[in-house]
Amino acid sequence: MARKRFVTSDISTDGKVASLAEENPIAALMWPWFLTALDDWGRMGANPVEVKLTVFPAFPYTSKDIAEVIRLYDINGLAHYYKVDDKEYLAVCPEPWYKYQTYIKKERQEKQQLSKFPAPPNPPWENRSSAIVADDQQQSATNVLSLSLSLSPSLSKDLNNDDDNNARAREDINFVKTCEQEFGRLVSPTELETLQSFVDDGMSEEVVCEAIKRTRLNGHTKVGYTKSILNNWHSKGVKDMAGVSRIDLEFGQRKARDGPGGGHTHASHGSRDRPVIQADVEQEAANGYFAKHLKARASPTVPEVQ
């Protein structure tokens, strides 16, 4: 899957890259390609054969060449090589990673369970952090700020704000929890990634949660059904619940204009959501998305999605 990654001109003056370039210029030039292979949590698979096939299919590098490059990245501190269950992985330090990948929101950063790759056990950046903390504990509170961490009052304030932001993020709507509650099952990483893609495109999590609830309301527990609703909303420019309300209102107005024979409203369910879902499915059917799954149009129920 294609990913966007930010690479700045700072890479040209980075000490680690410069040191690597002196030892192996090709490895240094290959580094930006590795950056594109990292997921949103700065991790990727490091099996040389797989990297060759997925990252460098058009280059004449062998899997042996790539294995050597990965070793050099680990030695020079550009990335950390590790194994979990005898499988090879590569990860970068989260702090500089998120410094440049600014489009990855804090909510996304905290959802570690979405990563297809396991977190590195005891990564070197955690060891460095522990060493700094141990050293700081031997100094006075004044020296901790002025000498050890060299924090300005404004930076200290920013750190406090980050803590507040993280706390608020944990209180935000969580579509993962909503999905599991509504569907009554665990959701696969692939399904979660599908839903997260809509958030990455600008939809609020509240909108995704609403689509999940409407999926369950119509008797379905498949993320594919939720995706069809979100695709329909996305095509109509829905970003937040105000947009959902707009779509609901427009559908209600069409039903009123068409009269009683204009379609089924499912009034017996006592929910305004049912007509909207019917409209969504019909729209997708018009686009050919659900064509092979639709039952006879004479049926008063929502078409079953296989």
C-alpha atoms as a PDB file:
ATOM      1  CA  MET A   1       0.000   0.000   0.000  1.00  0.00           C
ATOM      2  CA  ALA A   2       1.338   3.409  -0.966  1.00  0.00           C
ATOM      3  CA  ARG A   3       2.205   5.716   1.921  1.00  0.00           C
ATOM      4  CA  LYS A   4       3.089   9.368   2.100  1.00  0.00           C
ATOM      5  CA  ARG A   5       6.161  10.167   4.159  1.00  0.00           C
ATOM      6  CA  PHE A   6       7.816  13.514   4.821  1.00  0.00           C
ATOM      7  CA  VAL A   7      11.553  13.759   4.145  1.00  0.00           C
ATOM      8  CA  THR A   8      13.219  17.121   4.742  1.00  0.00           C
ATOM      9  CA  SER A   9      16.549  18.556   3.637  1.00  0.00           C
ATOM     10  CA  ASP A  10      17.756  17.927   7.209  1.00  0.00           C
ATOM     11  CA  ILE A  11      18.589  14.413   6.047  1.00  0.00           C
ATOM     12  CA  SER A  12      21.549  15.852   4.114  1.00  0.00           C
ATOM     13  CA  THR A  13      23.191  17.150   7.302  1.00  0.00           C
ATOM     14  CA  ASP A  14      22.128  14.359   9.652  1.00  0.00           C
ATOM     15  CA  GLY A  15      25.199  13.078  11.479  1.00  0.00           C
ATOM     16  CA  LYS A  16      24.142   9.435  11.399  1.00  0.00           C
ATOM     17  CA  VAL A  17      23.406   9.526   7.685  1.00  0.00           C
ATOM     18  CA  ALA A  18      26.717  11.316   7.037  1.00  0.00           C
ATOM     19  CA  SER A  19      28.625   8.713   9.019  1.00  0.00           C
ATOM     20  CA  LEU A  20      26.876   5.928   7.130  1.00  0.00           C
ATOM     21  CA  ALA A  21      27.598   7.625   3.780  1.00  0.00           C
ATOM     22  CA  GLU A  22      31.322   7.563   4.481  1.00  0.00           C
ATOM     23  CA  GLU A  23      31.156   3.823   5.073  1.00  0.00           C
ATOM     24  CA  ASN A  24      28.587   2.859   2.458  1.00  0.00           C
ATOM     25  CA  PRO A  25      27.164   5.611   0.191  1.00  0.00           C
ATOM     26  CA  ILE A  26      24.623   3.275  -1.411  1.00  0.00           C
ATOM     27  CA  ALA A  27      23.171   2.377   1.977  1.00  0.00           C
ATOM     28  CA  ALA A  28      22.783   6.075   2.763  1.00  0.00           C
ATOM     29  CA  LEU A  29      21.018   6.711  -0.549  1.00  0.00           C
ATOM     30  CA  MET A  30      18.659   3.790   0.094  1.00  0.00           C
ATOM     31  CA  TRP A  31      17.526   5.209   3.443  1.00  0.00           C
ATOM     32  CA  PRO A  32      14.631   7.364   2.080  1.00  0.00           C
ATOM     33  CA  TRP A  33      13.151   4.265   0.427  1.00  0.00           C
ATOM     34  CA  PHE A  34      13.164   2.505   3.788  1.00  0.00           C
ATOM     35  CA  LEU A  35      11.319   5.480   5.286  1.00  0.00           C
ATOM     36  CA  THR A  36       8.455   4.920   2.844  1.00  0.00           C
ATOM     37  CA  ALA A  37       8.164   1.305   4.014  1.00  0.00           C
ATOM     38  CA  LEU A  38       7.759   2.197   7.708  1.00  0.00           C
ATOM     39  CA  ASP A  39       4.198   2.139   9.007  1.00  0.00           C
ATOM     40  CA  ASP A  40       2.628   4.935  11.053  1.00  0.00           C
ATOM     41  CA  TRP A  41       4.404   3.677  14.176  1.00  0.00           C
ATOM     42  CA  GLY A  42       7.830   3.613  12.529  1.00  0.00           C
ATOM     43  CA  ARG A  43       8.016  -0.155  12.086  1.00  0.00           C
ATOM     44  CA  MET A  44       8.441  -2.516   9.152  1.00  0.00           C
ATOM     45  CA  GLY A  45       9.358  -6.086   8.355  1.00  0.00           C
ATOM     46  CA  ALA A  46      13.091  -6.612   7.861  1.00  0.00           C
ATOM     47  CA  ASN A  47      13.258  -9.918   6.062  1.00  0.00           C
ATOM     48  CA  PRO A  48      15.763  -9.084   3.283  1.00  0.00           C
ATOM     49  CA  VAL A  49      13.891 -11.036   0.620  1.00  0.00           C
ATOM     50  CA  GLU A  50      10.585  -9.336   1.442  1.00  0.00           C
ATOM     51  CA  VAL A  51      12.228  -5.907   1.523  1.00  0.00           C
ATOM     52  CA  LYS A  52      13.784  -6.602  -1.871  1.00  0.00           C
ATOM     53  CA  LEU A  53      10.401  -7.539  -3.375  1.00  0.00           C
ATOM     54  CA  THR A  54       8.315  -4.775  -1.792  1.00  0.00           C
ATOM     55  CA  VAL A  55      10.664  -1.778  -1.508  1.00  0.00           C
ATOM     56  CA  PHE A  56      13.313  -2.296  -4.206  1.00  0.00           C
ATOM     57  CA  PRO A  57      11.709  -4.428  -6.939  1.00  0.00           C
ATOM     58  CA  ALA A  58      13.222  -2.319  -9.740  1.00  0.00           C
ATOM     59  CA  PHE A  59      16.719  -2.067  -8.249  1.00  0.00           C
ATOM     60  CA  PRO A  60      19.548  -4.548  -8.848  1.00  0.00           C
ATOM     61  CA  TYR A  61      20.165  -5.080  -5.128  1.00  0.00           C
ATOM     62  CA  THR A  62      20.202  -8.643  -3.856  1.00  0.00           C
ATOM     63  CA  SER A  63      18.718  -9.811  -0.577  1.00  0.00           C
ATOM     64  CA  LYS A  64      22.291 -10.152   0.681  1.00  0.00           C
ATOM     65  CA  ASP A  65      22.929  -6.480  -0.131  1.00  0.00           C
ATOM     66  CA  ILE A  66      19.779  -5.463   1.715  1.00  0.00           C
ATOM     67  CA  ALA A  67      20.676  -7.577   4.754  1.00  0.00           C
ATOM     68  CA  GLU A  68      23.995  -5.706   4.947  1.00  0.00           C
ATOM     69  CA  VAL A  69      22.237  -2.351   4.639  1.00  0.00           C
ATOM     70  CA  ILE A  70      19.868  -3.238   7.487  1.00  0.00           C
ATOM     71  CA  ARG A  71      22.870  -4.213   9.609  1.00  0.00           C
ATOM     72  CA  LEU A  72      24.501  -0.847   8.919  1.00  0.00           C
ATOM     73  CA  TYR A  73      21.321   1.039   9.818  1.00  0.00           C
ATOM     74  CA  ASP A  74      21.266  -0.776  13.146  1.00  0.00           C
ATOM     75  CA  ILE A  75      24.961  -0.149  13.866  1.00  0.00           C
ATOM     76  CA  ASN A  76      24.779   3.549  12.956  1.00  0.00           C
ATOM     77  CA  GLY A  77      21.643   4.134  15.004  1.00  0.00           C
ATOM     78  CA  LEU A  78      19.336   5.045  12.129  1.00  0.00           C
ATOM     79  CA  ALA A  79      17.016   2.155  12.946  1.00  0.00           C
ATOM     80  CA  HIS A  80      16.778  -0.695  15.424  1.00  0.00           C
ATOM     81  CA  TYR A  81      16.871  -4.280  14.158  1.00  0.00           C
ATOM     82  CA  TYR A  82      15.056  -6.839  16.290  1.00  0.00           C
ATOM     83  CA  LYS A  83      13.354 -10.214  16.203  1.00  0.00           C
ATOM     84  CA  VAL A  84      10.027 -11.396  17.607  1.00  0.00           C
ATOM     85  CA  ASP A  85       9.067 -15.061  17.261  1.00  0.00           C
ATOM     86  CA  ASP A  86      12.090 -15.482  14.987  1.00  0.00           C
ATOM     87  CA  LYS A  87      10.751 -12.896  12.523  1.00  0.00           C
ATOM     88  CA  GLU A  88      12.863  -9.878  11.569  1.00  0.00           C
ATOM     89  CA  TYR A  89      11.742  -6.288  12.046  1.00  0.00           C
ATOM     90  CA  LEU A  90      13.103  -2.749  11.855  1.00  0.00           C
ATOM     91  CA  ALA A  91      11.915   0.230  13.900  1.00  0.00           C
ATOM     92  CA  VAL A  92      12.928   3.866  14.336  1.00  0.00           C
ATOM     93  CA  CYS A  93      12.815   6.034  17.435  1.00  0.00           C
ATOM     94  CA  PRO A  94       9.265   7.450  17.773  1.00  0.00           C
ATOM     95  CA  GLU A  95      10.349  10.952  18.848  1.00  0.00           C
ATOM     96  CA  PRO A  96      12.162  12.024  15.641  1.00  0.00           C
ATOM     97  CA  TRP A  97       9.764   9.944  13.551  1.00  0.00           C
ATOM     98  CA  TYR A  98       6.707  11.905  14.686  1.00  0.00           C
ATOM     99  CA  LYS A  99       8.684  15.142  14.621  1.00  0.00           C
ATOM    100  CA  TYR A 100       8.738  14.945  10.823  1.00  0.00           C
ATOM    101  CA  GLN A 101       5.601  12.848  10.139  1.00  0.00           C
ATOM    102  CA  THR A 102       3.444  15.648  11.495  1.00  0.00           C
ATOM    103  CA  TYR A 103       0.273  14.514   9.730  1.00  0.00           C
ATOM    104  CA  ILE A 104       0.032  11.409  11.961  1.00  0.00           C
ATOM    105  CA  LYS A 105      -2.320  12.501  14.722  1.00  0.00           C
ATOM    106  CA  LYS A 106      -1.756  11.741  18.398  1.00  0.00           C
ATOM    107  CA  GLU A 107      -4.860   9.564  18.447  1.00  0.00           C
ATOM    108  CA  ARG A 108      -3.332   7.467  15.682  1.00  0.00           C
ATOM    109  CA  GLN A 109       0.056   7.309  17.399  1.00  0.00           C
ATOM    110  CA  GLU A 110      -1.496   5.902  20.571  1.00  0.00           C
ATOM    111  CA  LYS A 111      -3.289   3.053  18.779  1.00  0.00           C
ATOM    112  CA  GLN A 112      -0.302   0.741  18.818  1.00  0.00           C
ATOM    113  CA  GLN A 113      -2.555  -2.292  18.338  1.00  0.00           C
ATOM    114  CA  LEU A 114      -3.237  -1.243  14.749  1.00  0.00           C
ATOM    115  CA  SER A 115       0.350  -1.884  13.703  1.00  0.00           C
ATOM    116  CA  LYS A 116       0.904  -5.128  11.828  1.00  0.00           C
ATOM    117  CA  PHE A 117       4.363  -5.330  13.357  1.00  0.00           C
ATOM    118  CA  PRO A 118       5.119  -6.032  17.033  1.00  0.00           C
ATOM    119  CA  ALA A 119       6.746  -3.342  19.133  1.00  0.00           C
ATOM    120  CA  PRO A 120      10.483  -3.813  19.654  1.00  0.00           C
ATOM    121  CA  PRO A 121      11.305  -5.280  23.073  1.00  0.00           C
ATOM    122  CA  ASN A 122      13.675  -3.029  25.035  1.00  0.00           C
ATOM    123  CA  PRO A 123      14.539  -0.659  22.171  1.00  0.00           C
ATOM    124  CA  PRO A 124      17.712   1.432  22.602  1.00  0.00           C
ATOM    125  CA  TRP A 125      15.791   4.730  22.820  1.00  0.00           C
ATOM    126  CA  GLU A 126      13.996   3.478  25.943  1.00  0.00           C
ATOM    127  CA  ASN A 127      17.307   2.499  27.475  1.00  0.00           C
ATOM    128  CA  ARG A 128      18.651   5.980  26.764  1.00  0.00           C
ATOM    129  CA  SER A 129      15.573   7.523  28.359  1.00  0.00           C
ATOM    130  CA  SER A 130      16.028   5.376  31.456  1.00  0.00           C
ATOM    131  CA  ALA A 131      19.657   6.409  31.720  1.00  0.00           C
ATOM    132  CA  ILE A 132      18.713  10.075  31.481  1.00  0.00           C
ATOM    133  CA  VAL A 133      16.078   9.689  34.176  1.00  0.00           C
ATOM    134  CA  ALA A 134      18.511   7.903  36.489  1.00  0.00           C
ATOM    135  CA  ASP A 135      21.053  10.660  35.999  1.00  0.00           C
ATOM    136  CA  ASP A 136      18.466  13.370  36.574  1.00  0.00           C
ATOM    137  CA  GLN A 137      17.410  11.844  39.891  1.00  0.00           C
ATOM    138  CA  GLN A 138      20.887  12.598  41.262  1.00  0.00           C
ATOM    139  CA  GLN A 139      20.548  16.309  40.584  1.00  0.00           C
ATOM    140  CA  SER A 140      18.451  19.026  42.116  1.00  0.00           C
ATOM    141  CA  ALA A 141      15.130  20.011  40.604  1.00  0.00           C
ATOM    142  CA  THR A 142      16.711  23.215  39.322  1.00  0.00           C
ATOM    143  CA  ASN A 143      19.540  21.412  37.599  1.00  0.00           C
ATOM    144  CA  VAL A 144      17.126  18.949  36.061  1.00  0.00           C
ATOM    145  CA  LEU A 145      15.546  21.793  34.102  1.00  0.00           C
ATOM    146  CA  SER A 146      18.497  24.079  33.516  1.00  0.00           C
ATOM    147  CA  LEU A 147      21.423  21.693  33.005  1.00  0.00           C
ATOM    148  CA  SER A 148      20.288  18.152  32.272  1.00  0.00           C
ATOM    149  CA  LEU A 149      17.290  18.663  30.050  1.00  0.00           C
ATOM    150  CA  SER A 150      17.957  22.297  29.114  1.00  0.00           C
ATOM    151  CA  LEU A 151      14.246  23.001  29.073  1.00  0.00           C
ATOM    152  CA  SER A 152      12.922  26.530  28.701  1.00  0.00           C
ATOM    153  CA  PRO A 153       9.748  27.476  30.634  1.00  0.00           C
ATOM    154  CA  SER A 154       7.817  27.539  27.371  1.00  0.00           C
ATOM    155  CA  LEU A 155       8.963  24.010  26.454  1.00  0.00           C
ATOM    156  CA  SER A 156       8.034  22.769  29.905  1.00  0.00           C
ATOM    157  CA  LYS A 157       4.606  24.271  29.390  1.00  0.00           C
ATOM    158  CA  ASP A 158       4.362  22.512  26.028  1.00  0.00           C
ATOM    159  CA  LEU A 159       5.142  19.185  27.664  1.00  0.00           C
ATOM    160  CA  ASN A 160       2.361  19.758  30.178  1.00  0.00           C
ATOM    161  CA  ASN A 161       0.036  20.600  27.320  1.00  0.00           C
ATOM    162  CA  ASP A 162       1.014  17.359  25.590  1.00  0.00           C
ATOM    163  CA  ASP A 163       0.026  15.445  28.721  1.00  0.00           C
ATOM    164  CA  ASP A 164      -3.316  17.237  28.745  1.00  0.00           C
ATOM    165  CA  ASN A 165      -3.809  16.504  25.054  1.00  0.00           C
ATOM    166  CA  ASN A 166      -3.044  12.828  25.580  1.00  0.00           C
ATOM    167  CA  ALA A 167      -5.545  12.682  28.424  1.00  0.00           C
ATOM    168  CA  ARG A 168      -8.198  14.290  26.268  1.00  0.00           C
ATOM    169  CA  ALA A 169      -7.372  11.931  23.378  1.00  0.00           C
ATOM    170  CA  ARG A 170      -8.016   8.931  25.625  1.00  0.00           C
ATOM    171  CA  GLU A 171     -11.416  10.402  26.418  1.00  0.00           C
ATOM    172  CA  ASP A 172     -12.249  10.899  22.742  1.00  0.00           C
ATOM    173  CA  ILE A 173     -14.604   8.620  20.857  1.00  0.00           C
ATOM    174  CA  ASN A 174     -12.898   5.320  20.092  1.00  0.00           C
ATOM    175  CA  PHE A 175     -14.218   3.532  17.004  1.00  0.00           C
ATOM    176  CA  VAL A 176     -12.259   0.404  17.950  1.00  0.00           C
ATOM    177  CA  LYS A 177     -14.281   0.048  21.147  1.00  0.00           C
ATOM    178  CA  THR A 178     -17.508   0.931  19.319  1.00  0.00           C
ATOM    179  CA  CYS A 179     -16.805  -1.673  16.646  1.00  0.00           C
ATOM    180  CA  GLU A 180     -16.254  -4.439  19.180  1.00  0.00           C
ATOM    181  CA  GLN A 181     -19.306  -3.446  21.223  1.00  0.00           C
ATOM    182  CA  GLU A 182     -21.643  -3.243  18.233  1.00  0.00           C
ATOM    183  CA  PHE A 183     -20.351  -6.284  16.357  1.00  0.00           C
ATOM    184  CA  GLY A 184     -19.820  -8.411  19.461  1.00  0.00           C
ATOM    185  CA  ARG A 185     -16.432  -9.628  18.309  1.00  0.00           C
ATOM    186  CA  LEU A 186     -12.811  -8.638  17.997  1.00  0.00           C
ATOM    187  CA  VAL A 187     -12.019  -6.695  14.858  1.00  0.00           C
ATOM    188  CA  SER A 188      -9.057  -7.662  12.709  1.00  0.00           C
ATOM    189  CA  PRO A 189      -6.148  -5.259  12.072  1.00  0.00           C
ATOM    190  CA  THR A 190      -7.136  -5.129   8.404  1.00  0.00           C
ATOM    191  CA  GLU A 191     -10.680  -4.065   9.303  1.00  0.00           C
ATOM    192  CA  LEU A 192      -9.382  -1.457  11.713  1.00  0.00           C
ATOM    193  CA  GLU A 193      -7.007  -0.127   9.091  1.00  0.00           C
ATOM    194  CA  THR A 194      -9.940   0.171   6.685  1.00  0.00           C
ATOM    195  CA  LEU A 195     -11.896   2.284   9.176  1.00  0.00           C
ATOM    196  CA  GLN A 196      -8.824   4.303  10.167  1.00  0.00           C
ATOM    197  CA  SER A 197      -8.301   5.270   6.526  1.00  0.00           C
ATOM    198  CA  PHE A 198     -11.479   7.359   6.678  1.00  0.00           C
ATOM    199  CA  VAL A 199     -10.209   9.164   9.784  1.00  0.00           C
ATOM    200  CA  ASP A 200      -6.911   9.776   7.991  1.00  0.00           C
ATOM    201  CA  ASP A 201      -8.902  11.302   5.129  1.00  0.00           C
ATOM    202  CA  GLY A 202     -10.478  13.830   7.468  1.00  0.00           C
ATOM    203  CA  MET A 203     -13.589  12.160   8.869  1.00  0.00           C
ATOM    204  CA  SER A 204     -14.136  12.444  12.593  1.00  0.00           C
ATOM    205  CA  GLU A 205     -14.139   9.270  14.682  1.00  0.00           C
ATOM    206  CA  GLU A 206     -17.674  10.134  15.710  1.00  0.00           C
ATOM    207  CA  VAL A 207     -18.788   9.766  12.092  1.00  0.00           C
ATOM    208  CA  VAL A 208     -17.067   6.368  11.819  1.00  0.00           C
ATOM    209  CA  CYS A 209     -18.763   5.275  15.045  1.00  0.00           C
ATOM    210  CA  GLU A 210     -22.116   6.406  13.658  1.00  0.00           C
ATOM    211  CA  ALA A 211     -21.604   4.304  10.515  1.00  0.00           C
ATOM    212  CA  ILE A 212     -20.730   1.289  12.689  1.00  0.00           C
ATOM    213  CA  LYS A 213     -23.913   1.753  14.724  1.00  0.00           C
ATOM    214  CA  ARG A 214     -26.020   2.048  11.588  1.00  0.00           C
ATOM    215  CA  THR A 215     -24.424  -1.114  10.232  1.00  0.00           C
ATOM    216  CA  ARG A 216     -25.505  -3.011  13.338  1.00  0.00           C
ATOM    217  CA  LEU A 217     -28.941  -1.353  13.239  1.00  0.00           C
ATOM    218  CA  ASN A 218     -29.466  -2.956   9.840  1.00  0.00           C
ATOM    219  CA  GLY A 219     -28.546  -6.388  11.132  1.00  0.00           C
ATOM    220  CA  HIS A 220     -24.993  -6.537   9.805  1.00  0.00           C
ATOM    221  CA  THR A 221     -21.662  -7.048  11.542  1.00  0.00           C
ATOM    222  CA  LYS A 222     -19.361  -6.710   8.546  1.00  0.00           C
ATOM    223  CA  VAL A 223     -16.942  -3.818   8.187  1.00  0.00           C
ATOM    224  CA  GLY A 224     -17.507  -4.030   4.436  1.00  0.00           C
ATOM    225  CA  TYR A 225     -21.061  -2.788   5.009  1.00  0.00           C
ATOM    226  CA  THR A 226     -19.755   0.038   7.210  1.00  0.00           C
ATOM    227  CA  LYS A 227     -17.228   0.905   4.516  1.00  0.00           C
ATOM    228  CA  SER A 228     -20.010   1.274   1.936  1.00  0.00           C
ATOM    229  CA  ILE A 229     -21.797   3.769   4.188  1.00  0.00           C
ATOM    230  CA  LEU A 230     -18.602   5.730   4.788  1.00  0.00           C
ATOM    231  CA  ASN A 231     -17.736   5.710   1.086  1.00  0.00           C
ATOM    232  CA  ASN A 232     -21.154   7.154   0.327  1.00  0.00           C
ATOM    233  CA  TRP A 233     -20.778   9.848   2.970  1.00  0.00           C
ATOM    234  CA  HIS A 234     -17.239  10.618   1.829  1.00  0.00           C
ATOM    235  CA  SER A 235     -18.453  11.128  -1.739  1.00  0.00           C
ATOM    236  CA  LYS A 236     -20.912  13.699  -0.373  1.00  0.00           C
ATOM    237  CA  GLY A 237     -18.277  15.590   1.567  1.00  0.00           C
ATOM    238  CA  VAL A 238     -19.229  14.398   5.055  1.00  0.00           C
ATOM    239  CA  LYS A 239     -16.499  15.118   7.614  1.00  0.00           C
ATOM    240  CA  ASP A 240     -18.386  15.449  10.902  1.00  0.00           C
ATOM    241  CA  MET A 241     -21.779  14.751  12.467  1.00  0.00           C
ATOM    242  CA  ALA A 242     -23.103  18.015  11.041  1.00  0.00           C
ATOM    243  CA  GLY A 243     -22.508  16.500   7.618  1.00  0.00           C
ATOM    244  CA  VAL A 244     -24.332  13.316   8.623  1.00  0.00           C
ATOM    245  CA  SER A 245     -27.294  15.421   9.797  1.00  0.00           C
ATOM    246  CA  ARG A 246     -27.242  17.210   6.454  1.00  0.00           C
ATOM    247  CA  ILE A 247     -27.417  13.898   4.580  1.00  0.00           C
ATOM    248  CA  ASP A 248     -30.267  12.741   6.835  1.00  0.00           C
ATOM    249  CA  LEU A 249     -32.171  15.965   6.193  1.00  0.00           C
ATOM    250  CA  GLU A 250     -31.666  15.785   2.431  1.00  0.00           C
ATOM    251  CA  PHE A 251     -32.924  12.212   2.366  1.00  0.00           C
ATOM    252  CA  GLY A 252     -35.962  13.156   4.466  1.00  0.00           C
ATOM    253  CA  GLN A 253     -36.741  15.977   2.079  1.00  0.00           C
ATOM    254  CA  ARG A 254     -36.514  13.648  -0.920  1.00  0.00           C
ATOM    255  CA  LYS A 255     -38.852  11.169   0.742  1.00  0.00           C
ATOM    256  CA  ALA A 256     -41.347  13.941   1.504  1.00  0.00           C
ATOM    257  CA  ARG A 257     -41.122  15.201  -2.069  1.00  0.00           C
ATOM    258  CA  ASP A 258     -41.561  11.736  -3.588  1.00  0.00           C
ATOM    259  CA  GLY A 259     -44.571  10.976  -1.413  1.00  0.00           C
ATOM    260  CA  PRO A 260     -45.630   7.721   0.308  1.00  0.00           C
ATOM    261  CA  GLY A 261     -44.849   5.632  -2.765  1.00  0.00           C
ATOM    262  CA  GLY A 262     -41.310   6.938  -3.058  1.00  0.00           C
ATOM    263  CA  GLY A 263     -39.755   4.159  -1.047  1.00  0.00           C
ATOM    264  CA  HIS A 264     -39.863   2.267   2.187  1.00  0.00           C
ATOM    265  CA  THR A 265     -39.212   4.212   5.366  1.00  0.00           C
ATOM    266  CA  HIS A 266     -39.129   1.339   7.890  1.00  0.00           C
ATOM    267  CA  ALA A 267     -41.220   3.463  10.256  1.00  0.00           C
ATOM    268  CA  SER A 268     -42.027   0.399  12.332  1.00  0.00           C
ATOM    269  CA  HIS A 269     -38.459   0.411  13.596  1.00  0.00           C
ATOM    270  CA  GLY A 270     -38.929   3.844  15.143  1.00  0.00           C
ATOM    271  CA  SER A 271     -35.580   5.070  13.887  1.00  0.00           C
ATOM    272  CA  ARG A 272     -34.653   7.858  11.511  1.00  0.00           C
ATOM    273  CA  ASP A 273     -31.504   5.921  10.642  1.00  0.00           C
ATOM    274  CA  ARG A 274     -33.218   3.188   8.639  1.00  0.00           C
ATOM    275  CA  PRO A 275     -34.195   5.356   5.621  1.00  0.00           C
ATOM    276  CA  VAL A 276     -30.680   6.768   5.434  1.00  0.00           C
ATOM    277  CA  ILE A 277     -29.149   3.296   5.306  1.00  0.00           C
ATOM    278  CA  GLN A 278     -31.650   2.328   2.601  1.00  0.00           C
ATOM    279  CA  ALA A 279     -30.612   5.409   0.656  1.00  0.00           C
ATOM    280  CA  ASP A 280     -26.958   4.565   1.122  1.00  0.00           C
ATOM    281  CA  VAL A 281     -27.407   1.030  -0.148  1.00  0.00           C
ATOM    282  CA  GLU A 282     -29.472   2.174  -3.097  1.00  0.00           C
ATOM    283  CA  GLN A 283     -26.801   4.720  -3.994  1.00  0.00           C
ATOM    284  CA  GLU A 284     -24.120   2.063  -3.860  1.00  0.00           C
ATOM    285  CA  ALA A 285     -26.326  -0.231  -5.951  1.00  0.00           C
ATOM    286  CA  ALA A 286     -26.682   2.518  -8.533  1.00  0.00           C
ATOM    287  CA  ASN A 287     -22.920   2.636  -8.720  1.00  0.00           C
ATOM    288  CA  GLY A 288     -22.788  -1.110  -9.255  1.00  0.00           C
ATOM    289  CA  TYR A 289     -21.068  -1.744  -5.930  1.00  0.00           C
ATOM    290  CA  PHE A 290     -23.784  -4.002  -4.505  1.00  0.00           C
ATOM    291  CA  ALA A 291     -25.412  -5.022  -7.779  1.00  0.00           C
ATOM    292  CA  LYS A 292     -24.679  -8.722  -7.488  1.00  0.00           C
ATOM    293  CA  HIS A 293     -25.890  -8.814  -3.877  1.00  0.00           C
ATOM    294  CA  LEU A 294     -29.272  -7.075  -4.231  1.00  0.00           C
ATOM    295  CA  LYS A 295     -32.480  -9.076  -3.833  1.00  0.00           C
ATOM    296  CA  ALA A 296     -35.685  -8.307  -5.701  1.00  0.00           C
ATOM    297  CA  ARG A 297     -36.522  -4.601  -5.376  1.00  0.00           C
ATOM    298  CA  ALA A 298     -40.035  -5.505  -4.349  1.00  0.00           C
ATOM    299  CA  SER A 299     -38.744  -6.576  -0.947  1.00  0.00           C
ATOM    300  CA  PRO A 300     -39.409  -3.939   1.757  1.00  0.00           C
ATOM    301  CA  THR A 301     -36.245  -4.767   3.624  1.00  0.00           C
ATOM    302  CA  VAL A 302     -32.698  -3.527   3.197  1.00  0.00           C
ATOM    303  CA  PRO A 303     -30.781  -5.707   0.693  1.00  0.00           C
ATOM    304  CA  GLU A 304     -28.610  -8.306   2.325  1.00  0.00           C
ATOM    305  CA  VAL A 305     -24.864  -7.723   1.872  1.00  0.00           C
ATOM    306  CA  GLN A 306     -22.948 -10.935   1.454  1.00  0.00           C
END
